[in-house]
Amino acid sequence: MAYIIKNKVVIVTGASSGIGLAIAREFAVAGSYVVMAARSEEKLEELAGGLRADGFDVTAIKTDVTDEQQCRQLVAMTVEKYGRLDILVNNAGISMRANFIDVESSVLRQVMDVNFWGTVYCTKHALPHLLKNRGALVGISSIAGFHGLPGRTGYAASKFAMHGFLESVRIENLRSGLRVMIVAPGFTASNIRYNALTADGKRQGETPRNERRMMKPEYVARWVLKGIRKKKRNKILTWGGRFTALFQRIMPGVVDYAFYKMMVIEPGSPLRDT
């Protein structure tokens, strides 16, 4: 039996742009009650207001997922307003682009704080409600969570950590009815590369890739809802990603070389001088 999305209460983190915004909109269209969480309060409220003007029940709650107290408050305010919580989508994330030998440790810590600890904090406080309602827990990850990515050590580490965490939560609650799904999109047109941190923690401010040729956030959002409905465990959205997940187990050296060749040709690649 498919999981019913309509009338469910959903929290989406990192909902002020890109994949998060598309997921929030997709849930709203499907008839869910949506709570959009992000750090940019003004932008978040503007976007939520636009969805409310279209007739959807959407709430904006300013949240920095690196702050556990704010994550606790996000869940508490959601339950206070709607009386329940059924689905948590851990989407908030940042990236980085630098060789490990050059990058400052604070950059790695910042990426881990958002991508991993943000997932941990939100899940920690949402889990009792998700278990009560036999709900769904989702992590928006990357193929970098299946195989290391050169020039993105902190990003890959955070996604590996997210995978291990969510898989462990899934197994701990195997008989509870909780659904845990990890979604790995391909390169998606969003702000993540513009906001990626460089070696010294500054924003990259540009993208090394052709954003127009990338996967669209709306495509990812549709697959998130489809995966929840069909009670999927993992959903890798590209054939390249699926081959990576398979071959990194049987021919990891080949995947290493392929990833190196792919990343070294990026404009401004930090691998060029290595």
Protein backbone atom coordinates (compact mmCIF):
# COMPACT_ATOMS: atom_id res chain seq x y z
CA MET A 1 0.00 0.00 0.00
CA ALA A 2 1.34 3.42 -0.98
CA TYR A 3 2.08 5.99 1.70
CA ILE A 4 -0.49 8.82 1.58
CA ILE A 5 1.01 12.31 1.27
CA LYS A 6 -2.20 14.35 1.46
CA ASN A 7 -2.93 16.02 4.82
CA LYS A 8 0.47 15.06 6.21
CA VAL A 9 2.52 17.62 8.13
CA VAL A 10 5.97 18.09 6.59
CA ILE A 11 9.10 19.98 7.61
CA VAL A 12 11.57 20.83 4.84
CA THR A 13 14.91 22.33 5.87
CA GLY A 14 16.93 24.52 3.51
CA ALA A 15 13.62 25.49 1.92
CA SER A 16 14.47 29.01 0.75
CA SER A 17 15.94 27.98 -2.63
CA GLY A 18 16.78 25.17 -5.00
CA ILE A 19 15.81 21.62 -4.13
CA GLY A 20 14.34 22.55 -0.75
CA LEU A 21 11.99 25.13 -2.22
CA ALA A 22 10.92 22.74 -4.97
CA ILE A 23 10.24 19.99 -2.43
CA ALA A 24 8.18 22.34 -0.25
CA ARG A 25 6.13 23.41 -3.26
CA GLU A 26 5.62 19.81 -4.41
CA PHE A 27 4.34 18.76 -0.97
CA ALA A 28 2.01 21.77 -0.87
CA VAL A 29 0.55 20.92 -4.29
CA ALA A 30 0.07 17.32 -3.08
CA GLY A 31 -2.10 18.58 -0.21
CA SER A 32 0.37 18.47 2.68
CA TYR A 33 0.76 21.04 5.43
CA VAL A 34 4.26 22.37 4.86
CA VAL A 35 6.70 24.01 7.25
CA MET A 36 9.56 25.70 5.42
CA ALA A 37 12.76 26.15 7.44
CA ALA A 38 15.87 28.16 6.53
CA ARG A 39 18.14 30.87 7.90
CA SER A 40 16.96 33.70 5.64
CA GLU A 41 13.78 34.82 7.42
CA GLU A 42 12.77 37.57 5.00
CA LYS A 43 13.24 35.45 1.89
CA LEU A 44 11.58 32.45 3.52
CA GLU A 45 8.50 34.43 4.51
CA GLU A 46 8.23 35.92 1.03
CA LEU A 47 8.30 32.47 -0.57
CA ALA A 48 5.87 30.99 1.94
CA GLY A 49 3.57 33.96 1.42
CA GLY A 50 3.56 33.30 -2.31
CA LEU A 51 2.50 29.70 -1.72
CA ARG A 52 -0.19 30.77 0.73
CA ALA A 53 -1.50 33.21 -1.89
CA ASP A 54 -1.91 30.19 -4.18
CA GLY A 55 -4.12 28.57 -1.56
CA PHE A 56 -1.64 26.27 0.16
CA ASP A 57 -1.18 25.84 3.93
CA VAL A 58 2.48 26.79 4.39
CA THR A 59 4.34 28.11 7.43
CA ALA A 60 7.82 29.68 7.50
CA ILE A 61 10.05 29.20 10.55
CA LYS A 62 13.50 30.76 10.63
CA THR A 63 15.94 28.00 11.58
CA ASP A 64 19.70 27.61 11.64
CA VAL A 65 20.10 23.83 11.67
CA THR A 66 23.58 24.08 13.22
CA ASP A 67 21.86 25.27 16.43
CA GLU A 68 20.18 22.37 18.23
CA GLN A 69 17.92 24.68 20.20
CA GLN A 70 16.55 26.15 16.97
CA CYS A 71 15.94 22.65 15.61
CA ARG A 72 14.09 21.75 18.80
CA GLN A 73 12.03 24.92 18.46
CA LEU A 74 11.28 24.18 14.79
CA VAL A 75 9.73 20.84 15.70
CA ALA A 76 7.92 22.21 18.76
CA MET A 77 6.37 25.11 16.80
CA THR A 78 5.29 22.74 14.02
CA VAL A 79 3.57 20.37 16.45
CA GLU A 80 2.03 23.28 18.35
CA LYS A 81 0.45 24.64 15.16
CA TYR A 82 -0.60 21.45 13.41
CA GLY A 83 -0.82 18.95 16.27
CA ARG A 84 1.50 16.44 14.64
CA LEU A 85 4.55 15.86 12.45
CA ASP A 86 4.62 13.14 9.79
CA ILE A 87 7.57 13.80 7.50
CA LEU A 88 10.98 15.43 7.96
CA VAL A 89 13.07 16.25 4.89
CA ASN A 90 16.67 17.03 5.85
CA ASN A 91 17.70 19.11 2.86
CA ALA A 92 19.75 21.99 4.31
CA GLY A 93 23.30 21.74 3.05
CA ILE A 94 26.43 23.55 1.91
CA SER A 95 29.42 22.45 -0.14
CA MET A 96 33.12 23.28 -0.36
CA ARG A 97 35.76 23.23 -3.08
CA ALA A 98 39.44 22.95 -2.22
CA ASN A 99 42.12 20.32 -1.83
CA PHE A 100 42.35 18.97 1.69
CA ILE A 101 46.00 20.05 2.00
CA ASP A 102 44.93 23.68 1.44
CA VAL A 103 41.61 23.90 3.25
CA GLU A 104 41.24 25.37 6.73
CA SER A 105 39.83 23.01 9.34
CA SER A 106 37.10 25.52 10.16
CA VAL A 107 35.69 25.09 6.65
CA LEU A 108 35.37 21.33 7.12
CA ARG A 109 33.75 21.89 10.50
CA GLN A 110 31.23 24.33 9.03
CA VAL A 111 30.23 21.91 6.28
CA MET A 112 29.88 19.09 8.81
CA ASP A 113 27.83 21.30 11.15
CA VAL A 114 25.24 22.04 8.46
CA ASN A 115 25.11 18.79 6.50
CA PHE A 116 25.60 16.22 9.26
CA TRP A 117 24.81 17.83 12.61
CA GLY A 118 21.87 19.71 11.09
CA THR A 119 20.41 16.35 10.09
CA VAL A 120 21.16 14.88 13.51
CA TYR A 121 19.62 17.76 15.47
CA CYS A 122 16.42 17.95 13.42
CA THR A 123 16.01 14.18 13.42
CA LYS A 124 16.63 13.93 17.15
CA HIS A 125 13.70 16.19 17.98
CA ALA A 126 11.41 15.06 15.18
CA LEU A 127 11.86 11.31 15.69
CA PRO A 128 9.37 10.79 18.57
CA HIS A 129 6.64 12.36 16.43
CA LEU A 130 7.64 10.46 13.30
CA LEU A 131 7.55 7.18 15.23
CA LYS A 132 4.16 8.01 16.75
CA ASN A 133 2.69 8.63 13.29
CA ARG A 134 4.62 5.92 11.43
CA GLY A 135 6.04 8.71 9.33
CA ALA A 136 8.95 9.28 6.96
CA LEU A 137 12.49 10.54 7.48
CA VAL A 138 14.35 11.77 4.39
CA GLY A 139 17.93 12.86 3.79
CA ILE A 140 18.87 14.73 0.60
CA SER A 141 22.37 13.50 -0.04
CA SER A 142 24.70 13.07 -3.02
CA ILE A 143 26.65 10.41 -4.84
CA ALA A 144 29.54 11.88 -2.79
CA GLY A 145 27.98 9.97 0.11
CA PHE A 146 28.72 6.70 -1.70
CA HIS A 147 32.23 7.44 -2.99
CA GLY A 148 34.73 10.17 -2.10
CA LEU A 149 34.91 13.24 -4.33
CA PRO A 150 38.27 14.98 -4.88
CA GLY A 151 38.28 18.66 -4.00
CA ARG A 152 35.20 18.13 -1.80
CA THR A 153 36.61 16.24 1.17
CA GLY A 154 34.44 18.00 3.73
CA TYR A 155 31.31 17.64 1.63
CA ALA A 156 31.89 13.93 0.96
CA ALA A 157 32.67 13.29 4.63
CA SER A 158 29.44 14.99 5.70
CA LYS A 159 27.37 12.94 3.27
CA PHE A 160 29.06 9.67 4.29
CA ALA A 161 28.25 10.58 7.88
CA MET A 162 24.65 11.37 6.98
CA HIS A 163 24.30 8.00 5.27
CA GLY A 164 25.68 6.06 8.24
CA PHE A 165 23.47 7.99 10.64
CA LEU A 166 20.23 7.57 8.68
CA GLU A 167 20.89 3.90 7.95
CA SER A 168 21.49 3.26 11.66
CA VAL A 169 18.28 5.09 12.60
CA ARG A 170 16.45 2.98 10.02
CA ILE A 171 17.74 -0.28 11.51
CA GLU A 172 17.09 0.79 15.11
CA ASN A 173 13.45 1.40 14.19
CA LEU A 174 13.03 -1.49 11.78
CA ARG A 175 9.81 -2.70 13.39
CA SER A 176 8.27 0.68 14.13
CA GLY A 177 6.86 1.49 10.71
CA LEU A 178 9.26 4.43 10.25
CA ARG A 179 10.31 4.98 6.64
CA VAL A 180 13.86 6.24 6.11
CA MET A 181 14.93 7.26 2.62
CA ILE A 182 18.25 8.64 1.32
CA VAL A 183 17.97 10.54 -1.97
CA ALA A 184 21.06 11.18 -4.11
CA PRO A 185 20.42 13.64 -6.95
CA GLY A 186 22.95 14.34 -9.66
CA PHE A 187 24.39 17.81 -10.16
CA THR A 188 21.31 20.01 -9.75
CA ALA A 189 20.80 23.62 -10.81
CA SER A 190 20.80 25.47 -7.49
CA ASN A 191 22.78 27.94 -5.39
CA ILE A 192 24.97 25.29 -3.77
CA ARG A 193 27.98 25.82 -6.05
CA TYR A 194 27.72 29.62 -5.85
CA ASN A 195 27.70 29.36 -2.05
CA ALA A 196 30.35 26.63 -1.83
CA LEU A 197 33.18 27.47 0.56
CA THR A 198 36.73 27.87 -0.70
CA ALA A 199 39.91 26.93 1.17
CA ASP A 200 39.74 29.95 3.47
CA GLY A 201 35.97 29.83 4.04
CA LYS A 202 34.94 32.51 1.56
CA ARG A 203 31.97 31.92 -0.72
CA GLN A 204 32.95 30.73 -4.19
CA GLY A 205 30.49 33.17 -5.78
CA GLU A 206 30.40 31.37 -9.13
CA THR A 207 29.75 27.92 -10.51
CA PRO A 208 32.32 25.83 -12.39
CA ARG A 209 29.56 24.01 -14.24
CA ASN A 210 26.90 24.76 -16.84
CA GLU A 211 23.82 25.12 -14.63
CA ARG A 212 21.46 25.07 -17.62
CA ARG A 213 22.42 21.48 -18.44
CA MET A 214 21.88 20.20 -14.91
CA MET A 215 19.05 18.35 -13.26
CA LYS A 216 16.18 20.64 -12.27
CA PRO A 217 15.13 20.98 -8.61
CA GLU A 218 11.54 20.21 -9.59
CA TYR A 219 12.63 16.85 -10.99
CA VAL A 220 14.33 15.98 -7.70
CA ALA A 221 11.25 17.10 -5.74
CA ARG A 222 8.93 14.86 -7.74
CA TRP A 223 11.18 11.87 -7.07
CA VAL A 224 11.28 12.66 -3.34
CA LEU A 225 7.50 12.45 -3.10
CA LYS A 226 7.38 9.43 -5.37
CA GLY A 227 10.01 7.68 -3.24
CA ILE A 228 8.09 8.38 -0.02
CA ARG A 229 4.85 7.13 -1.55
CA LYS A 230 6.54 3.92 -2.72
CA LYS A 231 8.44 3.50 0.57
CA LYS A 232 11.85 3.53 -1.10
CA ARG A 233 15.02 2.95 0.90
CA ASN A 234 17.58 4.71 -1.31
CA LYS A 235 16.93 6.64 -4.49
CA ILE A 236 19.85 7.52 -6.77
CA LEU A 237 18.54 9.78 -9.51
CA THR A 238 21.18 9.34 -12.24
CA TRP A 239 22.52 6.33 -14.06
CA GLY A 240 26.04 7.60 -13.42
CA GLY A 241 25.29 7.63 -9.72
CA ARG A 242 23.86 4.12 -9.82
CA PHE A 243 26.92 2.81 -11.65
CA THR A 244 29.14 4.57 -9.10
CA ALA A 245 27.31 2.96 -6.17
CA LEU A 246 27.70 -0.44 -7.85
CA PHE A 247 31.25 -0.25 -9.19
CA GLN A 248 32.77 1.38 -6.11
CA ARG A 249 32.14 -1.98 -4.45
CA ILE A 250 33.72 -4.13 -7.14
CA MET A 251 36.16 -1.81 -9.01
CA PRO A 252 36.82 1.12 -6.68
CA GLY A 253 40.09 2.06 -8.40
CA VAL A 254 38.27 2.61 -11.68
CA VAL A 255 35.77 4.90 -9.93
CA ASP A 256 38.64 6.81 -8.28
CA TYR A 257 40.20 7.49 -11.68
CA ALA A 258 36.87 8.41 -13.29
CA PHE A 259 36.09 10.90 -10.52
CA TYR A 260 39.55 12.41 -10.76
CA LYS A 261 39.23 12.86 -14.53
CA MET A 262 35.77 14.37 -14.13
CA MET A 263 36.77 16.90 -11.48
CA VAL A 264 40.18 17.89 -12.90
CA ILE A 265 38.59 19.37 -16.04
CA GLU A 266 36.33 21.75 -14.10
CA PRO A 267 37.18 25.42 -14.69
CA GLY A 268 39.42 26.54 -11.83
CA SER A 269 39.72 23.01 -10.47
CA PRO A 270 41.92 22.79 -7.36
CA LEU A 271 43.27 19.52 -8.80
CA ARG A 272 44.99 21.17 -11.74
CA ASP A 273 48.26 21.85 -9.93
CA THR A 274 48.47 18.56 -8.04
